[in-house]
Every structure is written in C-alpha cells, then in structure tokens.
Amino acid sequence: AGAIGFWMAMIAASMTGFYIFRALFMTFEGEFKGGSDADPADALHGPVHLAESPTSMVLPLVILGVASLVIGFLVNPIIDLGIVPKHWFLHFLGEGPVRVEIHDFNVILAVGAMLTGVSGIVLAYFMYIKGTISPARVSEAVKPVHTLLLRKYYFDKLYEDWFVRRFFYGGLAKWLDWADKTIIDNIVNKIGALGRNIGVVGRELQNGQLQEYGAAIFVGVLTIVGLYIWFL
C-alpha cells in the first residue's frame, strides 16, 4: 500500500506539472488567439490592444507569489536560520497531546519529487511549444483513455440519461404532471363549479317574478307552522 501510494503521488506530481504548463503554454505562447478571428463579435469593438496590468494589480500578485515560494520553507525549515530554528513547527506540534513523529529531510526524495514534476513540464514543452510530440498522435495512441477522460468518465452522460431523463423527466416529472392534472386541477375545478352552481340557484331565485316570491313565502310560512306544530 505504501509503494502504491508513493507512485501514485509521483504520477500526480508529473501530471500536475504537465497540465499547469500546458495551460500556460496554450494561453500565453504562440499566435494571438483572441480578436475578431476567434470571436466575430469583437470586430464591432475595433482592434484589440493587449496591455500589461497596472502596478496596483501586479504588485500584490508578486508579493503573493514570493510568499508562496518561501513560506513553506520558513514555517518548517530543514536547517537553522538563526531566529528560525530547524523544524520549529513540527516540534511545536510534537509537544501537543498527539505525538507527531519528525523525520529528517530526505534529499533524494525531495529531488526525485522535483524531477517528477519537471518531467511533466518538459513533456508539455515538447508537445505544445516545440511540437516534437504530436498531441493528436498521443491521443490516438491512447484513444480509449483519451475518450474516457474527454467524456469525464461518462458522469455527464449517466447523469443526463439516467437521472435527468429517466428518473426526473420519465418518472418524477410525469407523476407530478399527473397529480397536477388529476388531483389539483379537479379540486380547483370542483370548487369553481360549486360556486358557479350556487350562483345559478341564487340567480333563479332572484328573477323579479312576484308569483315565485309569493310561492316562496307561502312555503316558508308552511314550514315554520309545521315545525311549530311538530315541536309542540
């Protein structure tokens, strides 16, 4: 397990160097890839003139870049730096309740890891700057792997085909559509029909004909008299 983890870390270091510098080379090297040739909409805005960022943007980036290079060494230096003792941070952690084992600096391992990362950078250089290695030929040589990575392990296809189309649209959405049309619409329509029918009855009673008003009064009086006699 230790050897497998070690070699996986080395491969990851090489791949990291490769894809980072691939992005740098494809973005900042070669011919200009912007302007109206790449995007016809840019032609409406006139010629494109690229300029360096102002000092207010460059200076903070330079400070952050320098700090990122030296901060790791200052936090855990492999040698005494006067006011900064050797491995001071690991010693600080080792004094806590959880014991941290401190190992000596391994020059061979550090150089090997560095060379592994550089190997990825060199590969990206020969592929995207020198053109010695053709990316198209490499892709064709490892086409199954290239297709698998290009398709992002088919996660998008599985998500679209199985979850979105079959589960969501084919199952959940159809059930919700049936419930909306069969249950919700029927409830709303029945309530509306009830109010409409009550209105029809009221409209028939309030028609302005005196004979019907007299008949209604007569029936009402008979009902009251009948109830009075019944309860007495």
Protein backbone atom coordinates (compact mmCIF):
# COMPACT_ATOMS: atom_id res chain seq x y z
CA ALA A 1 0.00 0.00 0.00
CA GLY A 2 2.89 2.35 0.80
CA ALA A 3 4.58 1.75 -2.56
CA ILE A 4 1.31 2.19 -4.44
CA GLY A 5 0.63 5.46 -2.66
CA PHE A 6 4.17 6.67 -3.35
CA TRP A 7 3.99 6.02 -7.09
CA MET A 8 0.51 7.47 -7.33
CA ALA A 9 1.83 10.64 -5.69
CA MET A 10 4.72 10.74 -8.15
CA ILE A 11 2.38 10.32 -11.12
CA ALA A 12 0.14 13.05 -9.71
CA ALA A 13 3.15 15.38 -9.39
CA SER A 14 4.13 14.77 -13.00
CA MET A 15 0.57 15.25 -14.25
CA THR A 16 0.23 18.44 -12.22
CA GLY A 17 3.35 19.93 -13.80
CA PHE A 18 2.10 18.83 -17.23
CA TYR A 19 -1.41 20.27 -17.14
CA ILE A 20 -0.41 23.52 -15.41
CA PHE A 21 2.25 24.32 -18.01
CA ARG A 22 0.04 23.03 -20.81
CA ALA A 23 -2.50 25.67 -19.78
CA LEU A 24 0.25 28.31 -19.58
CA PHE A 25 1.72 27.41 -22.98
CA MET A 26 -1.65 27.26 -24.74
CA THR A 27 -2.75 30.56 -23.18
CA PHE A 28 0.34 32.75 -23.37
CA GLU A 29 2.52 31.21 -26.10
CA GLY A 30 2.07 31.00 -29.84
CA GLU A 31 -0.02 33.28 -32.01
CA PHE A 32 -2.64 35.62 -30.61
CA LYS A 33 -5.85 33.64 -30.17
CA GLY A 34 -8.25 36.50 -29.48
CA GLY A 35 -9.76 39.30 -31.52
CA SER A 36 -12.27 39.12 -34.34
CA ASP A 37 -10.74 35.93 -35.79
CA ALA A 38 -11.65 33.99 -32.66
CA ASP A 39 -14.85 35.88 -31.88
CA PRO A 40 -16.52 37.86 -34.73
CA ALA A 41 -18.42 39.89 -32.13
CA ASP A 42 -15.13 41.54 -31.15
CA ALA A 43 -14.92 43.14 -34.60
CA LEU A 44 -17.67 45.53 -33.53
CA HIS A 45 -15.42 46.96 -30.84
CA GLY A 46 -12.47 47.72 -33.11
CA PRO A 47 -8.89 46.37 -32.91
CA VAL A 48 -7.77 44.58 -29.77
CA HIS A 49 -4.77 46.08 -27.96
CA LEU A 50 -3.42 43.98 -25.11
CA ALA A 51 -1.61 45.76 -22.30
CA GLU A 52 0.09 44.72 -19.09
CA SER A 53 -1.91 45.02 -15.90
CA PRO A 54 -1.26 48.14 -13.81
CA THR A 55 1.14 48.11 -10.88
CA SER A 56 -1.76 48.08 -8.43
CA MET A 57 -2.61 44.60 -9.72
CA VAL A 58 0.86 43.24 -10.45
CA LEU A 59 2.49 44.17 -7.13
CA PRO A 60 0.07 42.21 -4.89
CA LEU A 61 0.45 39.19 -7.17
CA VAL A 62 4.25 39.43 -6.97
CA ILE A 63 4.10 39.63 -3.17
CA LEU A 64 1.79 36.62 -3.00
CA GLY A 65 3.97 34.68 -5.45
CA VAL A 66 7.18 35.31 -3.49
CA ALA A 67 5.43 34.47 -0.23
CA SER A 68 4.14 31.19 -1.68
CA LEU A 69 7.71 30.24 -2.61
CA VAL A 70 9.30 30.87 0.79
CA ILE A 71 6.50 30.46 3.34
CA GLY A 72 6.72 26.67 3.39
CA PHE A 73 10.46 26.78 3.99
CA LEU A 74 10.14 29.40 6.73
CA VAL A 75 7.38 27.51 8.52
CA ASN A 76 9.34 24.25 8.57
CA PRO A 77 13.00 24.90 7.59
CA ILE A 78 15.34 21.95 7.19
CA ILE A 79 18.26 23.94 8.65
CA ASP A 80 18.65 26.50 11.41
CA LEU A 81 18.05 30.04 10.15
CA GLY A 82 19.17 31.93 13.22
CA ILE A 83 15.97 33.27 14.70
CA VAL A 84 14.01 30.50 12.94
CA PRO A 85 15.09 27.11 14.36
CA LYS A 86 15.13 23.90 12.39
CA HIS A 87 11.74 22.11 12.18
CA TRP A 88 10.27 24.53 14.75
CA PHE A 89 6.72 23.98 13.59
CA LEU A 90 6.94 20.19 13.82
CA HIS A 91 8.45 20.49 17.28
CA PHE A 92 5.59 22.78 18.22
CA LEU A 93 3.09 20.17 17.06
CA GLY A 94 5.00 17.38 18.77
CA GLU A 95 4.52 18.99 22.18
CA GLY A 96 0.74 18.58 21.99
CA PRO A 97 -1.39 15.64 23.15
CA VAL A 98 -0.96 13.98 19.74
CA ARG A 99 2.61 12.96 19.13
CA VAL A 100 3.97 13.97 15.71
CA GLU A 101 6.90 11.92 14.51
CA ILE A 102 9.62 14.10 12.99
CA HIS A 103 11.75 12.70 10.17
CA ASP A 104 14.98 14.10 8.82
CA PHE A 105 14.91 15.82 5.46
CA ASN A 106 15.34 13.30 2.64
CA VAL A 107 17.29 14.97 -0.15
CA ILE A 108 16.84 12.07 -2.57
CA LEU A 109 13.08 12.03 -2.10
CA ALA A 110 12.83 15.81 -2.49
CA VAL A 111 14.95 15.84 -5.64
CA GLY A 112 13.01 12.89 -7.05
CA ALA A 113 9.69 14.64 -6.46
CA MET A 114 11.06 17.81 -8.05
CA LEU A 115 12.33 15.94 -11.10
CA THR A 116 9.00 14.16 -11.41
CA GLY A 117 7.19 17.49 -11.58
CA VAL A 118 9.78 18.85 -14.02
CA SER A 119 9.28 15.80 -16.26
CA GLY A 120 5.65 16.81 -16.73
CA ILE A 121 6.71 20.37 -17.54
CA VAL A 122 9.26 19.13 -20.09
CA LEU A 123 6.65 16.89 -21.71
CA ALA A 124 4.25 19.83 -22.02
CA TYR A 125 7.05 21.93 -23.53
CA PHE A 126 7.87 19.38 -26.24
CA MET A 127 4.19 18.86 -27.03
CA TYR A 128 2.88 22.44 -27.08
CA ILE A 129 5.95 24.62 -27.75
CA LYS A 130 8.44 22.61 -29.78
CA GLY A 131 5.86 20.36 -31.43
CA THR A 132 8.25 17.39 -31.21
CA ILE A 133 5.47 15.24 -29.79
CA SER A 134 2.10 15.50 -31.50
CA PRO A 135 -0.84 15.74 -29.06
CA ALA A 136 -3.10 14.28 -31.77
CA ARG A 137 -0.88 11.22 -32.17
CA VAL A 138 -0.68 10.72 -28.42
CA SER A 139 -4.47 10.97 -28.18
CA GLU A 140 -4.86 8.43 -30.98
CA ALA A 141 -2.32 6.06 -29.39
CA VAL A 142 -4.24 6.02 -26.11
CA LYS A 143 -7.66 6.62 -27.62
CA PRO A 144 -9.69 4.63 -25.04
CA VAL A 145 -8.07 6.52 -22.16
CA HIS A 146 -8.35 9.83 -24.02
CA THR A 147 -12.04 9.22 -24.73
CA LEU A 148 -12.68 8.25 -21.12
CA LEU A 149 -11.05 11.43 -19.84
CA LEU A 150 -12.63 13.60 -22.55
CA ARG A 151 -16.06 12.26 -21.61
CA LYS A 152 -15.24 12.89 -17.94
CA TYR A 153 -15.68 9.23 -17.05
CA TYR A 154 -19.17 9.43 -18.65
CA PHE A 155 -20.55 11.01 -15.50
CA ASP A 156 -22.38 13.69 -17.51
CA LYS A 157 -23.92 11.06 -19.79
CA LEU A 158 -25.01 8.94 -16.84
CA TYR A 159 -26.43 12.00 -15.13
CA GLU A 160 -28.31 13.22 -18.23
CA ASP A 161 -29.57 9.80 -19.39
CA TRP A 162 -30.39 8.13 -16.12
CA PHE A 163 -31.08 10.83 -13.57
CA VAL A 164 -32.45 13.71 -15.64
CA ARG A 165 -34.25 11.93 -18.48
CA ARG A 166 -35.32 8.64 -16.88
CA PHE A 167 -35.72 9.48 -13.22
CA PHE A 168 -36.66 13.17 -13.33
CA TYR A 169 -38.49 13.59 -16.65
CA GLY A 170 -39.53 9.97 -17.10
CA GLY A 171 -40.61 9.32 -13.52
CA LEU A 172 -40.89 12.22 -11.13
CA ALA A 173 -41.99 14.85 -13.67
CA LYS A 174 -44.64 12.53 -15.17
CA TRP A 175 -46.02 11.70 -11.74
CA LEU A 176 -46.14 15.37 -10.76
CA ASP A 177 -47.83 16.20 -14.07
CA TRP A 178 -50.47 13.50 -13.45
CA ALA A 179 -51.01 14.70 -9.88
CA ASP A 180 -51.36 18.30 -11.07
CA LYS A 181 -53.89 17.48 -13.79
CA THR A 182 -55.82 14.78 -11.92
CA ILE A 183 -55.82 15.95 -8.32
CA ILE A 184 -55.01 19.66 -8.17
CA ASP A 185 -56.98 20.64 -11.29
CA ASN A 186 -60.00 18.58 -10.20
CA ILE A 187 -60.04 20.19 -6.76
CA VAL A 188 -59.84 23.68 -8.26
CA ASN A 189 -62.47 22.88 -10.91
CA LYS A 190 -64.87 21.34 -8.37
CA ILE A 191 -64.59 24.37 -6.08
CA GLY A 192 -65.21 26.66 -9.04
CA ALA A 193 -68.19 24.57 -10.18
CA LEU A 194 -69.66 24.64 -6.66
CA GLY A 195 -69.52 28.42 -6.55
CA ARG A 196 -70.93 28.64 -10.07
CA ASN A 197 -73.86 26.32 -9.25
CA ILE A 198 -74.66 28.22 -6.06
CA GLY A 199 -74.75 31.35 -8.15
CA VAL A 200 -77.14 29.71 -10.61
CA VAL A 201 -79.56 28.86 -7.77
CA GLY A 202 -79.39 32.39 -6.42
CA ARG A 203 -79.94 33.80 -9.88
CA GLU A 204 -83.05 31.66 -10.38
CA LEU A 205 -84.49 32.80 -7.05
CA GLN A 206 -83.83 36.46 -7.71
CA ASN A 207 -85.69 36.67 -11.04
CA GLY A 208 -88.13 39.51 -10.20
CA GLN A 209 -91.35 37.44 -10.63
CA LEU A 210 -93.89 38.15 -7.83
CA GLN A 211 -95.65 34.80 -8.13
CA GLU A 212 -92.43 32.96 -7.34
CA TYR A 213 -91.70 35.28 -4.41
CA GLY A 214 -95.26 34.62 -3.12
CA ALA A 215 -94.80 30.87 -3.54
CA ALA A 216 -91.52 31.01 -1.64
CA ILE A 217 -93.16 33.00 1.18
CA PHE A 218 -96.05 30.52 1.32
CA VAL A 219 -93.69 27.54 1.51
CA GLY A 220 -91.67 29.30 4.20
CA VAL A 221 -94.74 30.04 6.31
CA LEU A 222 -95.96 26.45 5.98
CA THR A 223 -92.53 25.19 7.01
CA ILE A 224 -92.46 27.41 10.11
CA VAL A 225 -96.03 26.41 11.10
CA GLY A 226 -95.24 22.75 10.53
CA LEU A 227 -92.13 22.91 12.70
CA TYR A 228 -94.04 24.79 15.39
CA ILE A 229 -96.80 22.13 15.47
CA TRP A 230 -94.24 19.31 15.38
CA PHE A 231 -92.29 20.51 18.36
CA LEU A 232 -95.40 21.38 20.39
